[in-house]
C-alpha atoms as a PDB file:
ATOM      1  CA  MET A   1     102.994 124.927 113.770  1.00  0.00           C
ATOM      2  CA  GLY A   2     100.965 122.555 115.235  1.00  0.00           C
ATOM      3  CA  ARG A   3     100.087 118.849 114.178  1.00  0.00           C
ATOM      4  CA  ASN A   4      96.950 119.930 112.462  1.00  0.00           C
ATOM      5  CA  ASN A   5      98.674 122.169 110.009  1.00  0.00           C
ATOM      6  CA  GLU A   6      97.591 122.564 106.642  1.00  0.00           C
ATOM      7  CA  ARG A   7      99.857 120.442 104.376  1.00  0.00           C
ATOM      8  CA  ASN A   8      99.662 117.310 107.418  1.00  0.00           C
ATOM      9  CA  ILE A   9      95.314 117.519 106.411  1.00  0.00           C
ATOM     10  CA  LYS A  10      95.921 117.506 102.987  1.00  0.00           C
ATOM     11  CA  LYS A  11      98.179 114.843 103.062  1.00  0.00           C
ATOM     12  CA  HIS A  12      95.463 112.526 105.440  1.00  0.00           C
ATOM     13  CA  ASN A  13      93.143 113.464 103.172  1.00  0.00           C
ATOM     14  CA  ASP A  14      94.694 112.704 100.149  1.00  0.00           C
ATOM     15  CA  LYS A  15      95.447 109.094 101.752  1.00  0.00           C
ATOM     16  CA  LEU A  16      92.166 108.543 103.185  1.00  0.00           C
ATOM     17  CA  HIS A  17      90.487 109.398  99.195  1.00  0.00           C
ATOM     18  CA  LYS A  18      92.865 107.043  97.484  1.00  0.00           C
ATOM     19  CA  ALA A  19      92.147 104.411  99.789  1.00  0.00           C
ATOM     20  CA  GLN A  20      87.893 105.380  99.131  1.00  0.00           C
ATOM     21  CA  ASP A  21      88.586 105.037  95.814  1.00  0.00           C
ATOM     22  CA  LYS A  22      90.539 101.884  96.413  1.00  0.00           C
ATOM     23  CA  VAL A  23      87.508 100.076  97.573  1.00  0.00           C
ATOM     24  CA  LYS A  24      85.047 101.919  95.469  1.00  0.00           C
ATOM     25  CA  GLN A  25      87.057 100.620  92.113  1.00  0.00           C
ATOM     26  CA  ALA A  26      87.053  96.658  93.976  1.00  0.00           C
ATOM     27  CA  GLU A  27      83.618  97.469  94.621  1.00  0.00           C
ATOM     28  CA  MET A  28      83.187  97.876  90.942  1.00  0.00           C
ATOM     29  CA  LEU A  29      85.129  95.085  89.869  1.00  0.00           C
ATOM     30  CA  ARG A  30      83.527  92.751  91.925  1.00  0.00           C
ATOM     31  CA  LYS A  31      79.367  93.605  90.370  1.00  0.00           C
ATOM     32  CA  GLU A  32      81.115  93.537  87.323  1.00  0.00           C
ATOM     33  CA  LYS A  33      82.183  90.028  87.583  1.00  0.00           C
ATOM     34  CA  LEU A  34      78.925  89.144  88.825  1.00  0.00           C
ATOM     35  CA  LYS A  35      77.082  90.157  86.120  1.00  0.00           C
ATOM     36  CA  GLN A  36      79.627  88.780  83.928  1.00  0.00           C
ATOM     37  CA  ILE A  37      78.978  85.433  85.796  1.00  0.00           C
ATOM     38  CA  THR A  38      75.418  85.758  85.855  1.00  0.00           C
ATOM     39  CA  LYS A  39      75.122  86.272  82.255  1.00  0.00           C
ATOM     40  CA  LYS A  40      77.052  83.098  81.350  1.00  0.00           C
ATOM     41  CA  PHE A  41      75.036  80.950  83.605  1.00  0.00           C
ATOM     42  CA  ASN A  42      71.842  82.217  82.326  1.00  0.00           C
ATOM     43  CA  GLU A  43      73.042  81.280  78.625  1.00  0.00           C
ATOM     44  CA  THR A  44      74.133  77.918  79.731  1.00  0.00           C
ATOM     45  CA  LYS A  45      70.280  77.558  81.571  1.00  0.00           C
ATOM     46  CA  ASP A  46      68.963  78.237  78.050  1.00  0.00           C
ATOM     47  CA  SER A  47      71.405  76.299  75.891  1.00  0.00           C
ATOM     48  CA  GLU A  48      70.501  73.547  78.359  1.00  0.00           C
ATOM     49  CA  ASN A  49      66.860  74.367  78.133  1.00  0.00           C
ATOM     50  CA  ASN A  50      66.656  74.059  73.868  1.00  0.00           C
END
């Protein structure tokens, strides 16, 4: 049995994919928050102009 057996490769890939999913999720959350902030900013800007 070497270090690169099937089980270790799978464990590593699962760990890697979990980390990548975490990064993607954080990025989506940031974009969503930015959208909401932008929307709120535009609403207050519009209300100030009227």
